[in-house]
């Protein structure tokens, strides 16, 4: 059995500690420099998504639902309310999904944008397709999912991805519930 000197043990520990401290410091500095730009890019992307789901709005006013959840009121150039934008989440096959929903003042869906989804490629990820998302347009609260022939306030489920279809629908219905909570129902623009 070999005897180790204390210096033989301490030297690598000190070197590794110094490397960790320098690396951590550099990462913190990089984060400090890039954080404002990342926040700016995220804000631009969110504004672009709002403009997609409520394209007639020229301006968006931030508001709070229940004191903490942010939503946006879409306004025309003259300042008239033309709709609302809510971001909601639901549990899906591959984890949580997040959608942004534009709702007109009559309480119907204007458009839906998927912000986050991690479902099965080729199946659940088809929820990103515009053809699927367009099904929600002009629907009102209580949207259902149908595997075969959808009724008036239902959408056609994606083949092999009923869980994903239901999750997107749940998130859209949650946005419609938020709309009702904020406005008291339809035609409150």
Foldseek 3Di string as FASTA:
>chain_A
DDDDDPCVVVVVVVVVVVVVVVVVVVVVVVCVVCVVVVVVVVVVVVVVLVCVQVVQFPDWDWDDFPPHAIKIFGAHPVGHTFWIKHWFWFAFDQGIWIKIWTAGQQQATRWIATDDDDDDPPFLVCCRPPVQGCQRGRAHAPEAEDCPDDDDRYGHHTVPGNRSSVRVVVRVNVVSVSVCSVQVHHDRD
